[in-house]
Amino acid sequence: MSAIVLVNTSVFVNILDVVGKNENRNGIITAFQNMIETGDHVPLPMAAIIENGNHIAQPCPWPLQQSTHPDKVSLKRSVIPSPS
């Protein structure tokens, strides 16, 4: 029998892989896949969607923002166009 499972913000940030808030990503993805395979219904509460939008809109944590590593593009460099 399938269940109705409500996803809260702390789970949703891991599913979306929000930087700095995705500490349990692997475990949550595995649990989420199991829920889908068993036919559980997973509605997303509007509050969780809005809260995650706020988390995504926040700037990257400073170590990533200040990074010069080519794989970690600075938020400032990706948003502000370079002068021509």
PDB file of N, CA and C in Angstrom:
ATOM      1  N   MET A   1       0.842  -1.177   0.000  1.00  0.00           N
ATOM      2  CA  MET A   1       0.000   0.000   0.000  1.00  0.00           C
ATOM      3  C   MET A   1       0.889   1.244   0.000  1.00  0.00           C
ATOM      4  N   SER A   2       0.541   2.211  -0.809  1.00  0.00           N
ATOM      5  CA  SER A   2       1.350   3.425  -0.897  1.00  0.00           C
ATOM      6  C   SER A   2       1.016   4.378   0.239  1.00  0.00           C
ATOM      7  N   ALA A   3       1.978   5.235   0.533  1.00  0.00           N
ATOM      8  CA  ALA A   3       1.825   6.213   1.608  1.00  0.00           C
ATOM      9  C   ALA A   3       1.904   7.613   1.020  1.00  0.00           C
ATOM     10  N   ILE A   4       1.445   8.580   1.794  1.00  0.00           N
ATOM     11  CA  ILE A   4       1.610   9.994   1.434  1.00  0.00           C
ATOM     12  C   ILE A   4       2.733  10.527   2.310  1.00  0.00           C
ATOM     13  N   VAL A   5       3.807  10.978   1.677  1.00  0.00           N
ATOM     14  CA  VAL A   5       4.997  11.441   2.394  1.00  0.00           C
ATOM     15  C   VAL A   5       5.182  12.926   2.102  1.00  0.00           C
ATOM     16  N   LEU A   6       5.112  13.761   3.135  1.00  0.00           N
ATOM     17  CA  LEU A   6       5.336  15.198   2.961  1.00  0.00           C
ATOM     18  C   LEU A   6       6.821  15.495   3.055  1.00  0.00           C
ATOM     19  N   VAL A   7       7.323  16.263   2.118  1.00  0.00           N
ATOM     20  CA  VAL A   7       8.740  16.621   2.070  1.00  0.00           C
ATOM     21  C   VAL A   7       8.908  17.992   2.689  1.00  0.00           C
ATOM     22  N   ASN A   8       9.773  18.105   3.706  1.00  0.00           N
ATOM     23  CA  ASN A   8      10.005  19.416   4.311  1.00  0.00           C
ATOM     24  C   ASN A   8      11.227  20.075   3.668  1.00  0.00           C
ATOM     25  N   THR A   9      11.526  21.266   4.091  1.00  0.00           N
ATOM     26  CA  THR A   9      12.606  22.052   3.493  1.00  0.00           C
ATOM     27  C   THR A   9      13.952  21.353   3.590  1.00  0.00           C
ATOM     28  N   SER A  10      14.258  20.748   4.733  1.00  0.00           N
ATOM     29  CA  SER A  10      15.572  20.122   4.917  1.00  0.00           C
ATOM     30  C   SER A  10      15.780  18.946   3.967  1.00  0.00           C
ATOM     31  N   VAL A  11      14.720  18.284   3.571  1.00  0.00           N
ATOM     32  CA  VAL A  11      14.824  17.188   2.605  1.00  0.00           C
ATOM     33  C   VAL A  11      14.924  17.756   1.192  1.00  0.00           C
ATOM     34  N   PHE A  12      14.109  18.742   0.907  1.00  0.00           N
ATOM     35  CA  PHE A  12      14.057  19.324  -0.438  1.00  0.00           C
ATOM     36  C   PHE A  12      15.384  19.978  -0.840  1.00  0.00           C
ATOM     37  N   VAL A  13      16.093  20.622   0.106  1.00  0.00           N
ATOM     38  CA  VAL A  13      17.390  21.230  -0.242  1.00  0.00           C
ATOM     39  C   VAL A  13      18.399  20.165  -0.637  1.00  0.00           C
ATOM     40  N   ASN A  14      18.294  18.976  -0.075  1.00  0.00           N
ATOM     41  CA  ASN A  14      19.189  17.884  -0.459  1.00  0.00           C
ATOM     42  C   ASN A  14      18.826  17.329  -1.828  1.00  0.00           C
ATOM     43  N   ILE A  15      17.534  17.232  -2.120  1.00  0.00           N
ATOM     44  CA  ILE A  15      17.108  16.745  -3.435  1.00  0.00           C
ATOM     45  C   ILE A  15      17.544  17.722  -4.518  1.00  0.00           C
ATOM     46  N   LEU A  16      17.398  19.026  -4.253  1.00  0.00           N
ATOM     47  CA  LEU A  16      17.803  20.045  -5.229  1.00  0.00           C
ATOM     48  C   LEU A  16      19.303  20.300  -5.235  1.00  0.00           C
ATOM     49  N   ASP A  17      20.021  19.741  -4.267  1.00  0.00           N
ATOM     50  CA  ASP A  17      21.477  19.893  -4.154  1.00  0.00           C
ATOM     51  C   ASP A  17      21.887  21.352  -3.981  1.00  0.00           C
ATOM     52  N   VAL A  18      21.252  22.030  -3.014  1.00  0.00           N
ATOM     53  CA  VAL A  18      21.562  23.424  -2.714  1.00  0.00           C
ATOM     54  C   VAL A  18      22.904  23.488  -1.985  1.00  0.00           C
ATOM     55  N   VAL A  19      23.835  24.247  -2.524  1.00  0.00           N
ATOM     56  CA  VAL A  19      25.187  24.342  -1.976  1.00  0.00           C
ATOM     57  C   VAL A  19      25.153  24.808  -0.524  1.00  0.00           C
ATOM     58  N   GLY A  20      25.877  24.094   0.336  1.00  0.00           N
ATOM     59  CA  GLY A  20      25.969  24.451   1.733  1.00  0.00           C
ATOM     60  C   GLY A  20      24.834  23.915   2.594  1.00  0.00           C
ATOM     61  N   LYS A  21      23.829  23.309   1.964  1.00  0.00           N
ATOM     62  CA  LYS A  21      22.684  22.801   2.721  1.00  0.00           C
ATOM     63  C   LYS A  21      22.361  21.361   2.332  1.00  0.00           C
ATOM     64  N   ASN A  22      23.281  20.690   1.659  1.00  0.00           N
ATOM     65  CA  ASN A  22      23.025  19.364   1.114  1.00  0.00           C
ATOM     66  C   ASN A  22      23.880  18.278   1.780  1.00  0.00           C
ATOM     67  N   GLU A  23      24.029  18.334   3.105  1.00  0.00           N
ATOM     68  CA  GLU A  23      24.923  17.438   3.823  1.00  0.00           C
ATOM     69  C   GLU A  23      24.493  15.970   3.758  1.00  0.00           C
ATOM     70  N   ASN A  24      23.206  15.700   3.615  1.00  0.00           N
ATOM     71  CA  ASN A  24      22.703  14.322   3.627  1.00  0.00           C
ATOM     72  C   ASN A  24      22.183  13.880   2.268  1.00  0.00           C
ATOM     73  N   ARG A  25      22.708  14.446   1.211  1.00  0.00           N
ATOM     74  CA  ARG A  25      22.172  14.230  -0.135  1.00  0.00           C
ATOM     75  C   ARG A  25      22.083  12.756  -0.526  1.00  0.00           C
ATOM     76  N   ASN A  26      23.154  11.994  -0.364  1.00  0.00           N
ATOM     77  CA  ASN A  26      23.157  10.605  -0.828  1.00  0.00           C
ATOM     78  C   ASN A  26      22.092   9.768  -0.120  1.00  0.00           C
ATOM     79  N   GLY A  27      21.992   9.898   1.186  1.00  0.00           N
ATOM     80  CA  GLY A  27      20.996   9.139   1.937  1.00  0.00           C
ATOM     81  C   GLY A  27      19.576   9.529   1.579  1.00  0.00           C
ATOM     82  N   ILE A  28      19.355  10.815   1.383  1.00  0.00           N
ATOM     83  CA  ILE A  28      18.008  11.285   1.065  1.00  0.00           C
ATOM     84  C   ILE A  28      17.615  10.881  -0.349  1.00  0.00           C
ATOM     85  N   ILE A  29      18.550  10.932  -1.284  1.00  0.00           N
ATOM     86  CA  ILE A  29      18.247  10.505  -2.654  1.00  0.00           C
ATOM     87  C   ILE A  29      17.891   9.022  -2.674  1.00  0.00           C
ATOM     88  N   THR A  30      18.636   8.208  -1.921  1.00  0.00           N
ATOM     89  CA  THR A  30      18.342   6.780  -1.846  1.00  0.00           C
ATOM     90  C   THR A  30      16.949   6.540  -1.263  1.00  0.00           C
ATOM     91  N   ALA A  31      16.626   7.226  -0.167  1.00  0.00           N
ATOM     92  CA  ALA A  31      15.305   7.081   0.449  1.00  0.00           C
ATOM     93  C   ALA A  31      14.204   7.565  -0.498  1.00  0.00           C
ATOM     94  N   PHE A  32      14.459   8.654  -1.212  1.00  0.00           N
ATOM     95  CA  PHE A  32      13.484   9.208  -2.144  1.00  0.00           C
ATOM     96  C   PHE A  32      13.229   8.230  -3.293  1.00  0.00           C
ATOM     97  N   GLN A  33      14.295   7.602  -3.809  1.00  0.00           N
ATOM     98  CA  GLN A  33      14.140   6.615  -4.876  1.00  0.00           C
ATOM     99  C   GLN A  33      13.311   5.423  -4.395  1.00  0.00           C
ATOM    100  N   ASN A  34      13.560   4.993  -3.167  1.00  0.00           N
ATOM    101  CA  ASN A  34      12.775   3.879  -2.607  1.00  0.00           C
ATOM    102  C   ASN A  34      11.305   4.241  -2.496  1.00  0.00           C
ATOM    103  N   MET A  35      10.999   5.477  -2.085  1.00  0.00           N
ATOM    104  CA  MET A  35       9.610   5.914  -1.987  1.00  0.00           C
ATOM    105  C   MET A  35       8.929   5.898  -3.352  1.00  0.00           C
ATOM    106  N   ILE A  36       9.640   6.361  -4.362  1.00  0.00           N
ATOM    107  CA  ILE A  36       9.072   6.398  -5.710  1.00  0.00           C
ATOM    108  C   ILE A  36       8.830   4.980  -6.216  1.00  0.00           C
ATOM    109  N   GLU A  37       9.796   4.077  -5.979  1.00  0.00           N
ATOM    110  CA  GLU A  37       9.663   2.697  -6.435  1.00  0.00           C
ATOM    111  C   GLU A  37       8.503   1.967  -5.757  1.00  0.00           C
ATOM    112  N   THR A  38       8.204   2.308  -4.509  1.00  0.00           N
ATOM    113  CA  THR A  38       7.094   1.661  -3.801  1.00  0.00           C
ATOM    114  C   THR A  38       5.756   2.328  -4.095  1.00  0.00           C
ATOM    115  N   GLY A  39       5.755   3.381  -4.888  1.00  0.00           N
ATOM    116  CA  GLY A  39       4.514   4.029  -5.291  1.00  0.00           C
ATOM    117  C   GLY A  39       3.976   5.046  -4.309  1.00  0.00           C
ATOM    118  N   ASP A  40       4.818   5.506  -3.393  1.00  0.00           N
ATOM    119  CA  ASP A  40       4.379   6.515  -2.432  1.00  0.00           C
ATOM    120  C   ASP A  40       4.107   7.843  -3.151  1.00  0.00           C
ATOM    121  N   HIS A  41       3.196   8.604  -2.610  1.00  0.00           N
ATOM    122  CA  HIS A  41       2.871   9.929  -3.141  1.00  0.00           C
ATOM    123  C   HIS A  41       3.662  10.956  -2.347  1.00  0.00           C
ATOM    124  N   VAL A  42       4.357  11.853  -3.055  1.00  0.00           N
ATOM    125  CA  VAL A  42       5.233  12.823  -2.389  1.00  0.00           C
ATOM    126  C   VAL A  42       4.846  14.233  -2.828  1.00  0.00           C
ATOM    127  N   PRO A  43       3.814  14.805  -2.219  1.00  0.00           N
ATOM    128  CA  PRO A  43       3.453  16.186  -2.553  1.00  0.00           C
ATOM    129  C   PRO A  43       4.451  17.164  -1.918  1.00  0.00           C
ATOM    130  N   LEU A  44       4.667  18.263  -2.587  1.00  0.00           N
ATOM    131  CA  LEU A  44       5.573  19.280  -2.062  1.00  0.00           C
ATOM    132  C   LEU A  44       4.764  20.425  -1.469  1.00  0.00           C
ATOM    133  N   PRO A  45       4.880  20.650  -0.162  1.00  0.00           N
ATOM    134  CA  PRO A  45       4.164  21.778   0.444  1.00  0.00           C
ATOM    135  C   PRO A  45       4.675  23.114  -0.118  1.00  0.00           C
ATOM    136  N   MET A  46       3.765  24.037  -0.318  1.00  0.00           N
ATOM    137  CA  MET A  46       4.138  25.344  -0.865  1.00  0.00           C
ATOM    138  C   MET A  46       5.173  26.043   0.009  1.00  0.00           C
ATOM    139  N   ALA A  47       5.095  25.877   1.322  1.00  0.00           N
ATOM    140  CA  ALA A  47       6.070  26.508   2.219  1.00  0.00           C
ATOM    141  C   ALA A  47       7.484  25.993   1.939  1.00  0.00           C
ATOM    142  N   ALA A  48       7.637  24.697   1.674  1.00  0.00           N
ATOM    143  CA  ALA A  48       8.950  24.136   1.380  1.00  0.00           C
ATOM    144  C   ALA A  48       9.488  24.682   0.066  1.00  0.00           C
ATOM    145  N   ILE A  49       8.611  24.857  -0.912  1.00  0.00           N
ATOM    146  CA  ILE A  49       9.041  25.397  -2.205  1.00  0.00           C
ATOM    147  C   ILE A  49       9.526  26.836  -2.038  1.00  0.00           C
ATOM    148  N   ILE A  50       8.782  27.643  -1.296  1.00  0.00           N
ATOM    149  CA  ILE A  50       9.165  29.050  -1.091  1.00  0.00           C
ATOM    150  C   ILE A  50      10.457  29.150  -0.286  1.00  0.00           C
ATOM    151  N   GLU A  51      10.563  28.359   0.786  1.00  0.00           N
ATOM    152  CA  GLU A  51      11.778  28.398   1.605  1.00  0.00           C
ATOM    153  C   GLU A  51      13.005  27.980   0.794  1.00  0.00           C
ATOM    154  N   ASN A  52      12.857  26.976  -0.064  1.00  0.00           N
ATOM    155  CA  ASN A  52      13.980  26.560  -0.889  1.00  0.00           C
ATOM    156  C   ASN A  52      14.344  27.625  -1.906  1.00  0.00           C
ATOM    157  N   GLY A  53      13.363  28.325  -2.425  1.00  0.00           N
ATOM    158  CA  GLY A  53      13.652  29.441  -3.323  1.00  0.00           C
ATOM    159  C   GLY A  53      14.482  30.499  -2.616  1.00  0.00           C
ATOM    160  N   ASN A  54      14.174  30.743  -1.347  1.00  0.00           N
ATOM    161  CA  ASN A  54      14.953  31.709  -0.569  1.00  0.00           C
ATOM    162  C   ASN A  54      16.384  31.217  -0.354  1.00  0.00           C
ATOM    163  N   HIS A  55      16.547  29.917  -0.081  1.00  0.00           N
ATOM    164  CA  HIS A  55      17.896  29.365   0.098  1.00  0.00           C
ATOM    165  C   HIS A  55      18.707  29.465  -1.197  1.00  0.00           C
ATOM    166  N   ILE A  56      18.067  29.180  -2.317  1.00  0.00           N
ATOM    167  CA  ILE A  56      18.760  29.234  -3.609  1.00  0.00           C
ATOM    168  C   ILE A  56      19.132  30.670  -3.957  1.00  0.00           C
ATOM    169  N   ALA A  57      18.278  31.629  -3.596  1.00  0.00           N
ATOM    170  CA  ALA A  57      18.527  33.035  -3.922  1.00  0.00           C
ATOM    171  C   ALA A  57      19.661  33.643  -3.104  1.00  0.00           C
ATOM    172  N   GLN A  58      20.010  33.024  -1.980  1.00  0.00           N
ATOM    173  CA  GLN A  58      21.104  33.551  -1.160  1.00  0.00           C
ATOM    174  C   GLN A  58      22.428  33.355  -1.886  1.00  0.00           C
ATOM    175  N   PRO A  59      23.388  34.256  -1.685  1.00  0.00           N
ATOM    176  CA  PRO A  59      24.696  34.097  -2.314  1.00  0.00           C
ATOM    177  C   PRO A  59      25.388  32.824  -1.822  1.00  0.00           C
ATOM    178  N   CYS A  60      26.309  32.344  -2.632  1.00  0.00           N
ATOM    179  CA  CYS A  60      27.091  31.164  -2.257  1.00  0.00           C
ATOM    180  C   CYS A  60      27.873  31.442  -0.981  1.00  0.00           C
ATOM    181  N   PRO A  61      28.169  30.395  -0.205  1.00  0.00           N
ATOM    182  CA  PRO A  61      29.032  30.587   0.967  1.00  0.00           C
ATOM    183  C   PRO A  61      30.369  31.177   0.526  1.00  0.00           C
ATOM    184  N   TRP A  62      30.959  32.021   1.364  1.00  0.00           N
ATOM    185  CA  TRP A  62      32.148  32.774   0.953  1.00  0.00           C
ATOM    186  C   TRP A  62      33.304  31.923   0.435  1.00  0.00           C
ATOM    187  N   PRO A  63      33.600  30.722   0.937  1.00  0.00           N
ATOM    188  CA  PRO A  63      34.735  29.992   0.347  1.00  0.00           C
ATOM    189  C   PRO A  63      34.531  29.686  -1.127  1.00  0.00           C
ATOM    190  N   LEU A  64      33.283  29.378  -1.536  1.00  0.00           N
ATOM    191  CA  LEU A  64      33.036  29.120  -2.945  1.00  0.00           C
ATOM    192  C   LEU A  64      33.060  30.408  -3.748  1.00  0.00           C
ATOM    193  N   GLN A  65      32.555  31.478  -3.155  1.00  0.00           N
ATOM    194  CA  GLN A  65      32.497  32.758  -3.860  1.00  0.00           C
ATOM    195  C   GLN A  65      33.902  33.311  -4.110  1.00  0.00           C
ATOM    196  N   GLN A  66      34.820  33.089  -3.173  1.00  0.00           N
ATOM    197  CA  GLN A  66      36.166  33.613  -3.297  1.00  0.00           C
ATOM    198  C   GLN A  66      37.103  32.667  -4.051  1.00  0.00           C
ATOM    199  N   SER A  67      36.613  31.492  -4.412  1.00  0.00           N
ATOM    200  CA  SER A  67      37.461  30.475  -5.015  1.00  0.00           C
ATOM    201  C   SER A  67      37.992  30.915  -6.379  1.00  0.00           C
ATOM    202  N   THR A  68      39.221  30.523  -6.677  1.00  0.00           N
ATOM    203  CA  THR A  68      39.790  30.770  -7.993  1.00  0.00           C
ATOM    204  C   THR A  68      39.861  29.472  -8.784  1.00  0.00           C
ATOM    205  N   HIS A  69      39.368  28.387  -8.200  1.00  0.00           N
ATOM    206  CA  HIS A  69      39.372  27.097  -8.876  1.00  0.00           C
ATOM    207  C   HIS A  69      38.446  27.173 -10.085  1.00  0.00           C
ATOM    208  N   PRO A  70      38.862  26.670 -11.261  1.00  0.00           N
ATOM    209  CA  PRO A  70      38.046  26.809 -12.469  1.00  0.00           C
ATOM    210  C   PRO A  70      36.702  26.092 -12.388  1.00  0.00           C
ATOM    211  N   ASP A  71      36.578  25.031 -11.554  1.00  0.00           N
ATOM    212  CA  ASP A  71      35.308  24.316 -11.437  1.00  0.00           C
ATOM    213  C   ASP A  71      34.312  25.039 -10.559  1.00  0.00           C
ATOM    214  N   LYS A  72      34.763  26.011  -9.775  1.00  0.00           N
ATOM    215  CA  LYS A  72      33.884  26.734  -8.849  1.00  0.00           C
ATOM    216  C   LYS A  72      33.799  28.185  -9.285  1.00  0.00           C
ATOM    217  N   VAL A  73      32.871  28.449 -10.168  1.00  0.00           N
ATOM    218  CA  VAL A  73      32.723  29.790 -10.724  1.00  0.00           C
ATOM    219  C   VAL A  73      32.152  30.712  -9.655  1.00  0.00           C
ATOM    220  N   SER A  74      32.737  31.853  -9.510  1.00  0.00           N
ATOM    221  CA  SER A  74      32.274  32.826  -8.542  1.00  0.00           C
ATOM    222  C   SER A  74      30.899  33.349  -8.928  1.00  0.00           C
ATOM    223  N   LEU A  75      30.048  33.530  -7.939  1.00  0.00           N
ATOM    224  CA  LEU A  75      28.727  34.080  -8.184  1.00  0.00           C
ATOM    225  C   LEU A  75      28.859  35.469  -8.808  1.00  0.00           C
ATOM    226  N   LYS A  76      29.810  36.255  -8.317  1.00  0.00           N
ATOM    227  CA  LYS A  76      29.983  37.601  -8.849  1.00  0.00           C
ATOM    228  C   LYS A  76      30.384  37.553 -10.326  1.00  0.00           C
ATOM    229  N   ARG A  77      31.287  36.626 -10.668  1.00  0.00           N
ATOM    230  CA  ARG A  77      31.733  36.543 -12.063  1.00  0.00           C
ATOM    231  C   ARG A  77      30.636  36.043 -12.983  1.00  0.00           C
ATOM    232  N   SER A  78      29.737  35.190 -12.468  1.00  0.00           N
ATOM    233  CA  SER A  78      28.714  34.626 -13.343  1.00  0.00           C
ATOM    234  C   SER A  78      27.515  35.572 -13.515  1.00  0.00           C
ATOM    235  N   VAL A  79      27.344  36.520 -12.608  1.00  0.00           N
ATOM    236  CA  VAL A  79      26.171  37.398 -12.673  1.00  0.00           C
ATOM    237  C   VAL A  79      26.528  38.762 -13.278  1.00  0.00           C
ATOM    238  N   ILE A  80      27.661  39.317 -12.913  1.00  0.00           N
ATOM    239  CA  ILE A  80      28.058  40.640 -13.385  1.00  0.00           C
ATOM    240  C   ILE A  80      28.862  40.497 -14.672  1.00  0.00           C
ATOM    241  N   PRO A  81      28.395  41.072 -15.772  1.00  0.00           N
ATOM    242  CA  PRO A  81      29.138  40.956 -17.026  1.00  0.00           C
ATOM    243  C   PRO A  81      30.458  41.724 -16.937  1.00  0.00           C
ATOM    244  N   SER A  82      31.455  41.207 -17.609  1.00  0.00           N
ATOM    245  CA  SER A  82      32.748  41.890 -17.616  1.00  0.00           C
ATOM    246  C   SER A  82      32.670  43.133 -18.493  1.00  0.00           C
ATOM    247  N   PRO A  83      33.424  44.172 -18.113  1.00  0.00           N
ATOM    248  CA  PRO A  83      33.385  45.402 -18.908  1.00  0.00           C
ATOM    249  C   PRO A  83      34.012  45.170 -20.292  1.00  0.00           C
ATOM    250  N   SER A  84      33.468  45.825 -21.292  1.00  0.00           N
ATOM    251  CA  SER A  84      34.017  45.633 -22.645  1.00  0.00           C
ATOM    252  C   SER A  84      34.658  46.897 -23.162  1.00  0.00           C
TER     253      SER A  84
END
